[in-house]
Amino acid sequence: MGESVDTWFVREVLAHEQALMRYLHRNWRDRDEVVDLRQEVYVRVYEAAARKLPDSPKSFLFATARNLLTDRVRRQRIVSITAVGDLEQLNVLKDELAPDRWLGGREALARLARALDRLPDRCREVVWLRRVEDLPQKEIARRLGISEKTVEKHIAKGSRLMADHFHGDADAATPRGNTRGAPARIGKPT
């Protein structure tokens, strides 16, 4: 290698510092972390260059920044097991962990699944996208090729049918023509 990594780094990488900072500010929501992100990008680029100088330093710099941001987002989405490993530190009351409470939660979840299964197909799909995947109505309408007004009607209908199911009127929660979840007839029809 003819020149030192330090000289190469100053000439080929630090020359793009302003552009890198604009990129990081534009793509990272926490402004207080941008300077630390820049330093981490520099460390990654320098360590890689110490092994082998990249052919296109500017492209390598921005690819490294993009990969760092992607890693950070991924890491934020992961819930650490150690973070919830010691229940004593969470100040959770012991009776909240009693088996009957766990069973009650599982039963409520099963009732919710049954209520969702009883909705008409399109209505169920809209309710799922809105309430579970938390998509905005506009996105649901675009994705399904229907109007926002139709999305609103499906959400209202689904909410009404599910409320009927949960408040004891399970038969009302089964719309006409939807036999999903209904027991199959055995033998000849009467």
N, C-alpha and C. Protein backbone atom coordinates (compact mmCIF):
# COMPACT_ATOMS: atom_id res chain seq x y z
N MET A 1 0.86 -1.17 0.00
CA MET A 1 0.00 0.00 0.00
C MET A 1 0.90 1.23 0.00
N GLY A 2 0.73 2.12 -0.97
CA GLY A 2 1.59 3.28 -1.13
C GLY A 2 1.33 4.36 -0.09
N GLU A 3 0.08 4.67 0.20
CA GLU A 3 -0.22 5.72 1.17
C GLU A 3 -0.83 5.12 2.42
N SER A 4 -0.76 5.87 3.50
CA SER A 4 -1.32 5.36 4.75
C SER A 4 -2.84 5.46 4.72
N VAL A 5 -3.48 4.67 5.55
CA VAL A 5 -4.94 4.68 5.65
C VAL A 5 -5.40 6.05 6.16
N ASP A 6 -4.61 6.65 7.05
CA ASP A 6 -4.97 7.96 7.59
C ASP A 6 -5.05 9.01 6.49
N THR A 7 -4.06 9.04 5.63
CA THR A 7 -4.04 10.00 4.53
C THR A 7 -5.20 9.75 3.58
N TRP A 8 -5.41 8.50 3.22
CA TRP A 8 -6.53 8.13 2.36
C TRP A 8 -7.86 8.55 3.00
N PHE A 9 -8.03 8.29 4.31
CA PHE A 9 -9.27 8.60 5.01
C PHE A 9 -9.57 10.10 4.98
N VAL A 10 -8.57 10.90 5.23
CA VAL A 10 -8.76 12.36 5.21
C VAL A 10 -9.15 12.82 3.81
N ARG A 11 -8.46 12.34 2.80
CA ARG A 11 -8.69 12.78 1.43
C ARG A 11 -10.02 12.25 0.85
N GLU A 12 -10.32 10.97 1.08
CA GLU A 12 -11.46 10.33 0.40
C GLU A 12 -12.74 10.27 1.23
N VAL A 13 -12.64 10.32 2.54
CA VAL A 13 -13.83 10.15 3.38
C VAL A 13 -14.23 11.46 4.05
N LEU A 14 -13.30 12.07 4.75
CA LEU A 14 -13.63 13.31 5.46
C LEU A 14 -14.05 14.43 4.50
N ALA A 15 -13.68 14.32 3.26
CA ALA A 15 -14.10 15.31 2.26
C ALA A 15 -15.62 15.32 2.07
N HIS A 16 -16.28 14.24 2.46
CA HIS A 16 -17.74 14.12 2.27
C HIS A 16 -18.51 14.30 3.58
N GLU A 17 -17.87 14.89 4.57
CA GLU A 17 -18.50 15.00 5.89
C GLU A 17 -19.81 15.79 5.85
N GLN A 18 -19.85 16.90 5.16
CA GLN A 18 -21.10 17.68 5.11
C GLN A 18 -22.22 16.90 4.46
N ALA A 19 -21.93 16.22 3.38
CA ALA A 19 -22.96 15.41 2.70
C ALA A 19 -23.41 14.27 3.59
N LEU A 20 -22.48 13.65 4.31
CA LEU A 20 -22.82 12.57 5.24
C LEU A 20 -23.73 13.10 6.35
N MET A 21 -23.41 14.25 6.90
CA MET A 21 -24.23 14.82 7.97
C MET A 21 -25.63 15.16 7.47
N ARG A 22 -25.75 15.70 6.27
CA ARG A 22 -27.08 15.96 5.69
C ARG A 22 -27.86 14.66 5.54
N TYR A 23 -27.19 13.63 5.07
CA TYR A 23 -27.83 12.33 4.90
C TYR A 23 -28.33 11.79 6.24
N LEU A 24 -27.49 11.84 7.26
CA LEU A 24 -27.87 11.33 8.58
C LEU A 24 -29.01 12.15 9.19
N HIS A 25 -28.95 13.48 9.06
CA HIS A 25 -30.03 14.33 9.58
C HIS A 25 -31.35 14.04 8.86
N ARG A 26 -31.27 13.78 7.59
CA ARG A 26 -32.48 13.52 6.79
C ARG A 26 -33.08 12.16 7.10
N ASN A 27 -32.25 11.20 7.50
CA ASN A 27 -32.72 9.83 7.63
C ASN A 27 -32.79 9.29 9.06
N TRP A 28 -32.44 10.11 10.05
CA TRP A 28 -32.50 9.64 11.44
C TRP A 28 -33.31 10.63 12.26
N ARG A 29 -34.32 10.13 12.95
CA ARG A 29 -35.26 11.01 13.65
C ARG A 29 -34.69 11.65 14.92
N ASP A 30 -33.75 11.00 15.60
CA ASP A 30 -33.20 11.54 16.84
C ASP A 30 -31.95 12.37 16.51
N ARG A 31 -32.11 13.68 16.49
CA ARG A 31 -31.02 14.59 16.10
C ARG A 31 -29.82 14.50 17.05
N ASP A 32 -30.07 14.15 18.31
CA ASP A 32 -28.98 14.07 19.28
C ASP A 32 -28.03 12.92 18.98
N GLU A 33 -28.45 11.95 18.22
CA GLU A 33 -27.61 10.78 17.93
C GLU A 33 -26.80 10.92 16.65
N VAL A 34 -27.04 11.96 15.86
CA VAL A 34 -26.42 12.07 14.53
C VAL A 34 -24.90 12.12 14.62
N VAL A 35 -24.36 12.87 15.57
CA VAL A 35 -22.89 12.97 15.68
C VAL A 35 -22.30 11.61 16.03
N ASP A 36 -22.95 10.88 16.94
CA ASP A 36 -22.48 9.54 17.29
C ASP A 36 -22.57 8.60 16.09
N LEU A 37 -23.64 8.72 15.33
CA LEU A 37 -23.78 7.88 14.13
C LEU A 37 -22.65 8.17 13.14
N ARG A 38 -22.34 9.45 12.95
CA ARG A 38 -21.24 9.82 12.05
C ARG A 38 -19.95 9.16 12.50
N GLN A 39 -19.66 9.21 13.80
CA GLN A 39 -18.44 8.61 14.30
C GLN A 39 -18.43 7.09 14.08
N GLU A 40 -19.57 6.47 14.28
CA GLU A 40 -19.63 5.02 14.08
C GLU A 40 -19.43 4.66 12.60
N VAL A 41 -19.99 5.48 11.71
CA VAL A 41 -19.76 5.27 10.27
C VAL A 41 -18.27 5.38 9.98
N TYR A 42 -17.63 6.42 10.52
CA TYR A 42 -16.20 6.61 10.30
C TYR A 42 -15.39 5.42 10.81
N VAL A 43 -15.74 4.91 11.96
CA VAL A 43 -15.01 3.76 12.52
C VAL A 43 -15.16 2.55 11.59
N ARG A 44 -16.37 2.30 11.15
CA ARG A 44 -16.59 1.15 10.26
C ARG A 44 -15.82 1.30 8.95
N VAL A 45 -15.87 2.49 8.37
CA VAL A 45 -15.16 2.72 7.10
C VAL A 45 -13.66 2.59 7.30
N TYR A 46 -13.14 3.17 8.38
CA TYR A 46 -11.69 3.13 8.64
C TYR A 46 -11.22 1.69 8.85
N GLU A 47 -11.97 0.93 9.65
CA GLU A 47 -11.57 -0.46 9.90
C GLU A 47 -11.60 -1.29 8.63
N ALA A 48 -12.61 -1.07 7.80
CA ALA A 48 -12.68 -1.81 6.53
C ALA A 48 -11.53 -1.40 5.61
N ALA A 49 -11.22 -0.11 5.58
CA ALA A 49 -10.15 0.39 4.71
C ALA A 49 -8.79 -0.11 5.18
N ALA A 50 -8.65 -0.37 6.47
CA ALA A 50 -7.38 -0.88 6.98
C ALA A 50 -7.11 -2.28 6.42
N ARG A 51 -8.19 -3.02 6.13
CA ARG A 51 -8.03 -4.35 5.54
C ARG A 51 -7.83 -4.25 4.02
N LYS A 52 -8.66 -3.42 3.38
CA LYS A 52 -8.56 -3.24 1.92
C LYS A 52 -9.27 -1.95 1.56
N LEU A 53 -8.60 -1.10 0.82
CA LEU A 53 -9.21 0.17 0.41
C LEU A 53 -10.35 -0.08 -0.58
N PRO A 54 -11.51 0.53 -0.33
CA PRO A 54 -12.63 0.33 -1.27
C PRO A 54 -12.36 1.03 -2.60
N ASP A 55 -12.95 0.48 -3.67
CA ASP A 55 -12.76 1.06 -5.00
C ASP A 55 -13.45 2.41 -5.14
N SER A 56 -14.62 2.54 -4.53
CA SER A 56 -15.38 3.78 -4.61
C SER A 56 -15.65 4.29 -3.20
N PRO A 57 -14.76 5.12 -2.67
CA PRO A 57 -14.87 5.53 -1.27
C PRO A 57 -16.18 6.23 -0.92
N LYS A 58 -16.67 7.14 -1.76
CA LYS A 58 -17.90 7.86 -1.45
C LYS A 58 -19.09 6.89 -1.40
N SER A 59 -19.20 6.00 -2.35
CA SER A 59 -20.28 5.02 -2.35
C SER A 59 -20.19 4.12 -1.13
N PHE A 60 -18.96 3.71 -0.79
CA PHE A 60 -18.75 2.86 0.38
C PHE A 60 -19.16 3.59 1.66
N LEU A 61 -18.83 4.86 1.75
CA LEU A 61 -19.18 5.67 2.92
C LEU A 61 -20.70 5.71 3.11
N PHE A 62 -21.44 6.00 2.05
CA PHE A 62 -22.89 6.12 2.18
C PHE A 62 -23.58 4.76 2.32
N ALA A 63 -23.02 3.72 1.73
CA ALA A 63 -23.56 2.38 1.95
C ALA A 63 -23.36 1.96 3.41
N THR A 64 -22.21 2.32 3.96
CA THR A 64 -21.94 2.03 5.37
C THR A 64 -22.93 2.78 6.26
N ALA A 65 -23.19 4.04 5.95
CA ALA A 65 -24.16 4.83 6.74
C ALA A 65 -25.55 4.22 6.65
N ARG A 66 -25.95 3.84 5.45
CA ARG A 66 -27.28 3.23 5.27
C ARG A 66 -27.38 1.93 6.07
N ASN A 67 -26.35 1.10 6.00
CA ASN A 67 -26.36 -0.17 6.73
C ASN A 67 -26.39 0.06 8.25
N LEU A 68 -25.68 1.07 8.71
CA LEU A 68 -25.69 1.39 10.15
C LEU A 68 -27.09 1.79 10.59
N LEU A 69 -27.76 2.65 9.82
CA LEU A 69 -29.11 3.08 10.17
C LEU A 69 -30.07 1.89 10.16
N THR A 70 -29.92 1.01 9.19
CA THR A 70 -30.76 -0.18 9.12
C THR A 70 -30.54 -1.07 10.33
N ASP A 71 -29.28 -1.25 10.72
CA ASP A 71 -28.97 -2.05 11.92
C ASP A 71 -29.59 -1.44 13.16
N ARG A 72 -29.50 -0.13 13.27
CA ARG A 72 -30.07 0.56 14.44
C ARG A 72 -31.59 0.38 14.52
N VAL A 73 -32.26 0.51 13.38
CA VAL A 73 -33.72 0.34 13.36
C VAL A 73 -34.08 -1.09 13.75
N ARG A 74 -33.37 -2.05 13.20
CA ARG A 74 -33.61 -3.46 13.54
C ARG A 74 -33.42 -3.69 15.04
N ARG A 75 -32.36 -3.15 15.58
CA ARG A 75 -32.06 -3.33 16.99
C ARG A 75 -33.13 -2.70 17.88
N GLN A 76 -33.71 -1.59 17.45
CA GLN A 76 -34.76 -0.93 18.23
C GLN A 76 -36.03 -1.76 18.26
N ARG A 77 -36.27 -2.54 17.25
CA ARG A 77 -37.49 -3.35 17.17
C ARG A 77 -37.42 -4.61 18.02
N ILE A 78 -36.22 -5.02 18.41
CA ILE A 78 -36.05 -6.24 19.18
C ILE A 78 -36.19 -5.91 20.65
N VAL A 79 -37.02 -6.67 21.34
CA VAL A 79 -37.19 -6.51 22.77
C VAL A 79 -36.26 -7.49 23.46
N SER A 80 -35.39 -6.97 24.27
CA SER A 80 -34.42 -7.80 24.95
C SER A 80 -35.10 -8.69 25.98
N ILE A 81 -34.74 -9.95 25.99
CA ILE A 81 -35.27 -10.88 26.98
C ILE A 81 -34.79 -10.48 28.37
N THR A 82 -33.56 -10.01 28.45
CA THR A 82 -33.05 -9.60 29.76
C THR A 82 -33.78 -8.39 30.29
N ALA A 83 -34.35 -7.58 29.40
CA ALA A 83 -35.09 -6.39 29.84
C ALA A 83 -36.33 -6.77 30.63
N VAL A 84 -36.90 -7.92 30.35
CA VAL A 84 -38.09 -8.36 31.07
C VAL A 84 -37.85 -9.66 31.81
N GLY A 85 -36.59 -10.03 31.98
CA GLY A 85 -36.26 -11.30 32.61
C GLY A 85 -36.52 -11.33 34.10
N ASP A 86 -36.32 -10.23 34.80
CA ASP A 86 -36.51 -10.21 36.24
C ASP A 86 -37.82 -9.50 36.55
N LEU A 87 -38.85 -10.28 36.83
CA LEU A 87 -40.18 -9.71 37.06
C LEU A 87 -40.22 -8.89 38.35
N GLU A 88 -39.35 -9.18 39.29
CA GLU A 88 -39.31 -8.39 40.53
C GLU A 88 -38.97 -6.94 40.23
N GLN A 89 -38.06 -6.71 39.28
CA GLN A 89 -37.65 -5.35 38.94
C GLN A 89 -38.76 -4.58 38.22
N LEU A 90 -39.69 -5.28 37.62
CA LEU A 90 -40.77 -4.61 36.89
C LEU A 90 -41.90 -4.17 37.82
N ASN A 91 -41.80 -4.50 39.10
CA ASN A 91 -42.84 -4.16 40.07
C ASN A 91 -44.20 -4.71 39.66
N VAL A 92 -44.20 -5.92 39.14
CA VAL A 92 -45.44 -6.57 38.75
C VAL A 92 -45.98 -7.28 39.97
N LEU A 93 -47.25 -7.07 40.25
CA LEU A 93 -47.86 -7.75 41.38
C LEU A 93 -47.94 -9.23 41.08
N LYS A 94 -47.66 -10.04 42.09
CA LYS A 94 -47.61 -11.48 41.88
C LYS A 94 -48.96 -12.05 41.46
N ASP A 95 -50.06 -11.48 41.99
CA ASP A 95 -51.37 -12.03 41.62
C ASP A 95 -51.70 -11.78 40.15
N GLU A 96 -50.99 -10.82 39.51
CA GLU A 96 -51.22 -10.60 38.08
C GLU A 96 -50.70 -11.76 37.25
N LEU A 97 -49.84 -12.56 37.81
CA LEU A 97 -49.26 -13.67 37.08
C LEU A 97 -49.91 -15.00 37.45
N ALA A 98 -51.00 -14.93 38.19
CA ALA A 98 -51.69 -16.15 38.61
C ALA A 98 -52.23 -16.88 37.39
N PRO A 99 -52.26 -18.22 37.44
CA PRO A 99 -52.72 -19.02 36.30
C PRO A 99 -54.13 -18.66 35.83
N ASP A 100 -55.02 -18.32 36.75
CA ASP A 100 -56.37 -17.98 36.32
C ASP A 100 -56.39 -16.70 35.48
N ARG A 101 -55.47 -15.77 35.77
CA ARG A 101 -55.39 -14.55 34.96
C ARG A 101 -54.83 -14.86 33.58
N TRP A 102 -53.84 -15.76 33.52
CA TRP A 102 -53.29 -16.16 32.22
C TRP A 102 -54.38 -16.86 31.40
N LEU A 103 -55.12 -17.75 32.06
CA LEU A 103 -56.17 -18.49 31.37
C LEU A 103 -57.25 -17.53 30.87
N GLY A 104 -57.62 -16.56 31.70
CA GLY A 104 -58.62 -15.59 31.29
C GLY A 104 -58.18 -14.81 30.06
N GLY A 105 -56.91 -14.46 30.01
CA GLY A 105 -56.37 -13.75 28.85
C GLY A 105 -56.40 -14.61 27.59
N ARG A 106 -56.07 -15.88 27.76
CA ARG A 106 -56.09 -16.81 26.61
C ARG A 106 -57.52 -17.00 26.12
N GLU A 107 -58.47 -17.09 27.05
CA GLU A 107 -59.87 -17.26 26.65
C GLU A 107 -60.38 -16.02 25.92
N ALA A 108 -60.00 -14.84 26.41
CA ALA A 108 -60.41 -13.60 25.74
C ALA A 108 -59.82 -13.53 24.34
N LEU A 109 -58.58 -13.96 24.20
CA LEU A 109 -57.95 -13.98 22.89
C LEU A 109 -58.65 -14.96 21.95
N ALA A 110 -59.04 -16.10 22.48
CA ALA A 110 -59.76 -17.09 21.67
C ALA A 110 -61.11 -16.54 21.24
N ARG A 111 -61.81 -15.82 22.13
CA ARG A 111 -63.10 -15.21 21.77
C ARG A 111 -62.91 -14.16 20.69
N LEU A 112 -61.84 -13.39 20.79
CA LEU A 112 -61.55 -12.38 19.78
C LEU A 112 -61.30 -13.04 18.43
N ALA A 113 -60.54 -14.13 18.42
CA ALA A 113 -60.27 -14.85 17.17
C ALA A 113 -61.56 -15.38 16.57
N ARG A 114 -62.45 -15.93 17.41
CA ARG A 114 -63.74 -16.42 16.90
C ARG A 114 -64.57 -15.28 16.34
N ALA A 115 -64.57 -14.15 17.02
CA ALA A 115 -65.33 -12.99 16.55
C ALA A 115 -64.79 -12.51 15.20
N LEU A 116 -63.49 -12.46 15.05
CA LEU A 116 -62.89 -12.07 13.77
C LEU A 116 -63.23 -13.07 12.68
N ASP A 117 -63.18 -14.37 13.00
CA ASP A 117 -63.48 -15.40 12.01
C ASP A 117 -64.92 -15.32 11.50
N ARG A 118 -65.81 -14.78 12.30
CA ARG A 118 -67.22 -14.71 11.91
C ARG A 118 -67.52 -13.52 11.02
N LEU A 119 -66.60 -12.60 10.90
CA LEU A 119 -66.84 -11.43 10.04
C LEU A 119 -66.80 -11.85 8.57
N PRO A 120 -67.55 -11.14 7.72
CA PRO A 120 -67.43 -11.40 6.27
C PRO A 120 -65.98 -11.16 5.84
N ASP A 121 -65.56 -11.85 4.79
CA ASP A 121 -64.16 -11.84 4.39
C ASP A 121 -63.58 -10.43 4.23
N ARG A 122 -64.22 -9.58 3.42
CA ARG A 122 -63.68 -8.24 3.16
C ARG A 122 -63.69 -7.40 4.44
N CYS A 123 -64.74 -7.52 5.21
CA CYS A 123 -64.87 -6.79 6.46
C CYS A 123 -63.75 -7.21 7.42
N ARG A 124 -63.51 -8.51 7.52
CA ARG A 124 -62.45 -9.03 8.39
C ARG A 124 -61.09 -8.50 7.94
N GLU A 125 -60.87 -8.47 6.64
CA GLU A 125 -59.60 -7.99 6.11
C GLU A 125 -59.39 -6.52 6.47
N VAL A 126 -60.43 -5.71 6.31
CA VAL A 126 -60.33 -4.28 6.63
C VAL A 126 -60.10 -4.09 8.13
N VAL A 127 -60.86 -4.78 8.95
CA VAL A 127 -60.70 -4.66 10.41
C VAL A 127 -59.29 -5.09 10.81
N TRP A 128 -58.80 -6.16 10.25
CA TRP A 128 -57.45 -6.64 10.57
C TRP A 128 -56.40 -5.58 10.22
N LEU A 129 -56.49 -5.04 9.00
CA LEU A 129 -55.50 -4.05 8.55
C LEU A 129 -55.54 -2.80 9.42
N ARG A 130 -56.75 -2.40 9.83
CA ARG A 130 -56.88 -1.17 10.62
C ARG A 130 -56.52 -1.39 12.08
N ARG A 131 -57.08 -2.42 12.71
CA ARG A 131 -56.94 -2.59 14.16
C ARG A 131 -55.69 -3.37 14.57
N VAL A 132 -55.24 -4.30 13.74
CA VAL A 132 -54.08 -5.11 14.11
C VAL A 132 -52.81 -4.55 13.48
N GLU A 133 -52.84 -4.30 12.18
CA GLU A 133 -51.65 -3.78 11.52
C GLU A 133 -51.55 -2.26 11.62
N ASP A 134 -52.61 -1.62 12.14
CA ASP A 134 -52.62 -0.19 12.42
C ASP A 134 -52.34 0.67 11.19
N LEU A 135 -52.86 0.24 10.04
CA LEU A 135 -52.70 1.03 8.83
C LEU A 135 -53.75 2.14 8.79
N PRO A 136 -53.42 3.28 8.23
CA PRO A 136 -54.42 4.34 8.09
C PRO A 136 -55.48 3.96 7.04
N GLN A 137 -56.65 4.54 7.16
CA GLN A 137 -57.75 4.22 6.25
C GLN A 137 -57.37 4.45 4.80
N LYS A 138 -56.66 5.52 4.55
CA LYS A 138 -56.26 5.85 3.18
C LYS A 138 -55.40 4.73 2.58
N GLU A 139 -54.47 4.20 3.37
CA GLU A 139 -53.60 3.11 2.90
C GLU A 139 -54.40 1.83 2.66
N ILE A 140 -55.34 1.55 3.55
CA ILE A 140 -56.19 0.35 3.38
C ILE A 140 -57.00 0.47 2.09
N ALA A 141 -57.58 1.64 1.87
CA ALA A 141 -58.37 1.87 0.65
C ALA A 141 -57.51 1.68 -0.59
N ARG A 142 -56.31 2.22 -0.56
CA ARG A 142 -55.40 2.09 -1.72
C ARG A 142 -55.02 0.63 -1.93
N ARG A 143 -54.67 -0.05 -0.85
CA ARG A 143 -54.23 -1.43 -0.94
C ARG A 143 -55.32 -2.36 -1.45
N LEU A 144 -56.57 -2.13 -1.03
CA LEU A 144 -57.66 -3.02 -1.40
C LEU A 144 -58.44 -2.54 -2.62
N GLY A 145 -58.11 -1.35 -3.10
CA GLY A 145 -58.79 -0.83 -4.28
C GLY A 145 -60.25 -0.45 -4.01
N ILE A 146 -60.51 0.08 -2.80
CA ILE A 146 -61.86 0.51 -2.45
C ILE A 146 -61.78 1.95 -1.94
N SER A 147 -62.94 2.59 -1.78
CA SER A 147 -62.95 3.97 -1.31
C SER A 147 -62.74 4.02 0.19
N GLU A 148 -62.33 5.20 0.68
CA GLU A 148 -62.16 5.37 2.12
C GLU A 148 -63.50 5.25 2.83
N LYS A 149 -64.56 5.68 2.18
CA LYS A 149 -65.91 5.57 2.76
C LYS A 149 -66.26 4.09 2.98
N THR A 150 -65.90 3.24 2.01
CA THR A 150 -66.16 1.80 2.13
C THR A 150 -65.34 1.22 3.28
N VAL A 151 -64.10 1.69 3.44
CA VAL A 151 -63.27 1.25 4.55
C VAL A 151 -63.96 1.61 5.86
N GLU A 152 -64.46 2.84 5.98
CA GLU A 152 -65.16 3.28 7.19
C GLU A 152 -66.37 2.39 7.48
N LYS A 153 -67.13 2.06 6.44
CA LYS A 153 -68.32 1.23 6.62
C LYS A 153 -67.94 -0.17 7.10
N HIS A 154 -66.88 -0.74 6.53
CA HIS A 154 -66.43 -2.07 6.96
C HIS A 154 -65.96 -2.04 8.42
N ILE A 155 -65.25 -1.00 8.80
CA ILE A 155 -64.78 -0.90 10.19
C ILE A 155 -65.97 -0.78 11.14
N ALA A 156 -66.94 0.06 10.77
CA ALA A 156 -68.13 0.22 11.62
C ALA A 156 -68.90 -1.10 11.74
N LYS A 157 -69.08 -1.77 10.59
CA LYS A 157 -69.82 -3.03 10.59
C LYS A 157 -69.07 -4.08 11.42
N GLY A 158 -67.76 -4.17 11.20
CA GLY A 158 -66.96 -5.14 11.93
C GLY A 158 -66.99 -4.88 13.42
N SER A 159 -66.90 -3.61 13.80
CA SER A 159 -66.93 -3.26 15.23
C SER A 159 -68.27 -3.63 15.84
N ARG A 160 -69.35 -3.35 15.11
CA ARG A 160 -70.68 -3.68 15.61
C ARG A 160 -70.85 -5.19 15.77
N LEU A 161 -70.44 -5.97 14.76
CA LEU A 161 -70.59 -7.42 14.82
C LEU A 161 -69.73 -8.03 15.93
N MET A 162 -68.53 -7.50 16.10
CA MET A 162 -67.66 -8.03 17.16
C MET A 162 -68.20 -7.66 18.54
N ALA A 163 -68.74 -6.44 18.67
CA ALA A 163 -69.34 -6.05 19.96
C ALA A 163 -70.53 -6.96 20.27
N ASP A 164 -71.35 -7.26 19.26
CA ASP A 164 -72.48 -8.17 19.45
C ASP A 164 -71.97 -9.53 19.94
N HIS A 165 -70.90 -10.00 19.33
CA HIS A 165 -70.33 -11.30 19.72
C HIS A 165 -69.86 -11.27 21.17
N PHE A 166 -69.19 -10.19 21.57
CA PHE A 166 -68.65 -10.11 22.92
C PHE A 166 -69.70 -9.84 23.98
N HIS A 167 -70.81 -9.26 23.60
CA HIS A 167 -71.83 -8.92 24.58
C HIS A 167 -72.97 -9.92 24.60
N GLY A 168 -72.67 -11.14 24.22
CA GLY A 168 -73.61 -12.23 24.40
C GLY A 168 -74.52 -12.52 23.23
N ASP A 169 -74.53 -11.69 22.21
CA ASP A 169 -75.41 -11.94 21.07
C ASP A 169 -74.59 -12.56 19.94
N ALA A 170 -74.04 -13.75 20.22
CA ALA A 170 -73.13 -14.41 19.28
C ALA A 170 -73.81 -14.75 17.97
N ASP A 171 -75.12 -15.06 18.01
CA ASP A 171 -75.82 -15.38 16.77
C ASP A 171 -75.90 -14.16 15.85
N ALA A 172 -76.05 -12.99 16.43
CA ALA A 172 -76.12 -11.77 15.63
C ALA A 172 -74.78 -11.46 15.00
N ALA A 173 -73.70 -12.00 15.56
CA ALA A 173 -72.37 -11.72 15.03
C ALA A 173 -72.04 -12.58 13.82
N THR A 174 -72.89 -13.55 13.51
CA THR A 174 -72.67 -14.36 12.33
C THR A 174 -73.52 -13.78 11.20
N PRO A 175 -72.90 -13.10 10.24
CA PRO A 175 -73.68 -12.50 9.18
C PRO A 175 -74.28 -13.56 8.27
N ARG A 176 -75.36 -13.17 7.64
CA ARG A 176 -76.01 -14.10 6.71
C ARG A 176 -75.09 -14.43 5.57
N GLY A 177 -75.13 -15.69 5.18
CA GLY A 177 -74.31 -16.12 4.04
C GLY A 177 -72.90 -16.50 4.44
N ASN A 178 -72.51 -16.23 5.65
CA ASN A 178 -71.17 -16.59 6.09
C ASN A 178 -71.30 -17.82 6.99
N THR A 179 -70.87 -18.93 6.50
CA THR A 179 -70.99 -20.17 7.26
C THR A 179 -69.67 -20.57 7.88
N ARG A 180 -68.68 -19.71 7.79
CA ARG A 180 -67.39 -20.01 8.43
C ARG A 180 -67.62 -20.16 9.91
N GLY A 181 -67.09 -21.17 10.47
CA GLY A 181 -67.21 -21.36 11.90
C GLY A 181 -68.51 -22.05 12.28
N ALA A 182 -69.47 -22.18 11.35
CA ALA A 182 -70.72 -22.86 11.65
C ALA A 182 -70.49 -24.35 11.53
N PRO A 183 -71.14 -25.15 12.38
CA PRO A 183 -70.92 -26.59 12.31
C PRO A 183 -71.44 -27.17 10.99
N ALA A 184 -70.71 -28.12 10.47
CA ALA A 184 -71.11 -28.75 9.22
C ALA A 184 -72.26 -29.71 9.48
N ARG A 185 -73.17 -29.79 8.53
CA ARG A 185 -74.30 -30.73 8.66
C ARG A 185 -73.85 -32.12 8.24
N ILE A 186 -74.27 -33.08 9.00
CA ILE A 186 -73.93 -34.46 8.69
C ILE A 186 -75.23 -35.15 8.29
N GLY A 187 -75.15 -35.90 7.25
CA GLY A 187 -76.36 -36.62 6.81
C GLY A 187 -77.16 -35.80 5.81
N LYS A 188 -78.42 -36.20 5.61
CA LYS A 188 -79.28 -35.53 4.63
C LYS A 188 -79.86 -34.27 5.22
N PRO A 189 -80.01 -33.25 4.36
CA PRO A 189 -80.64 -32.02 4.85
C PRO A 189 -82.08 -32.29 5.21
N THR A 190 -82.59 -31.56 6.20
CA THR A 190 -83.99 -31.79 6.63
C THR A 190 -84.92 -30.86 5.97
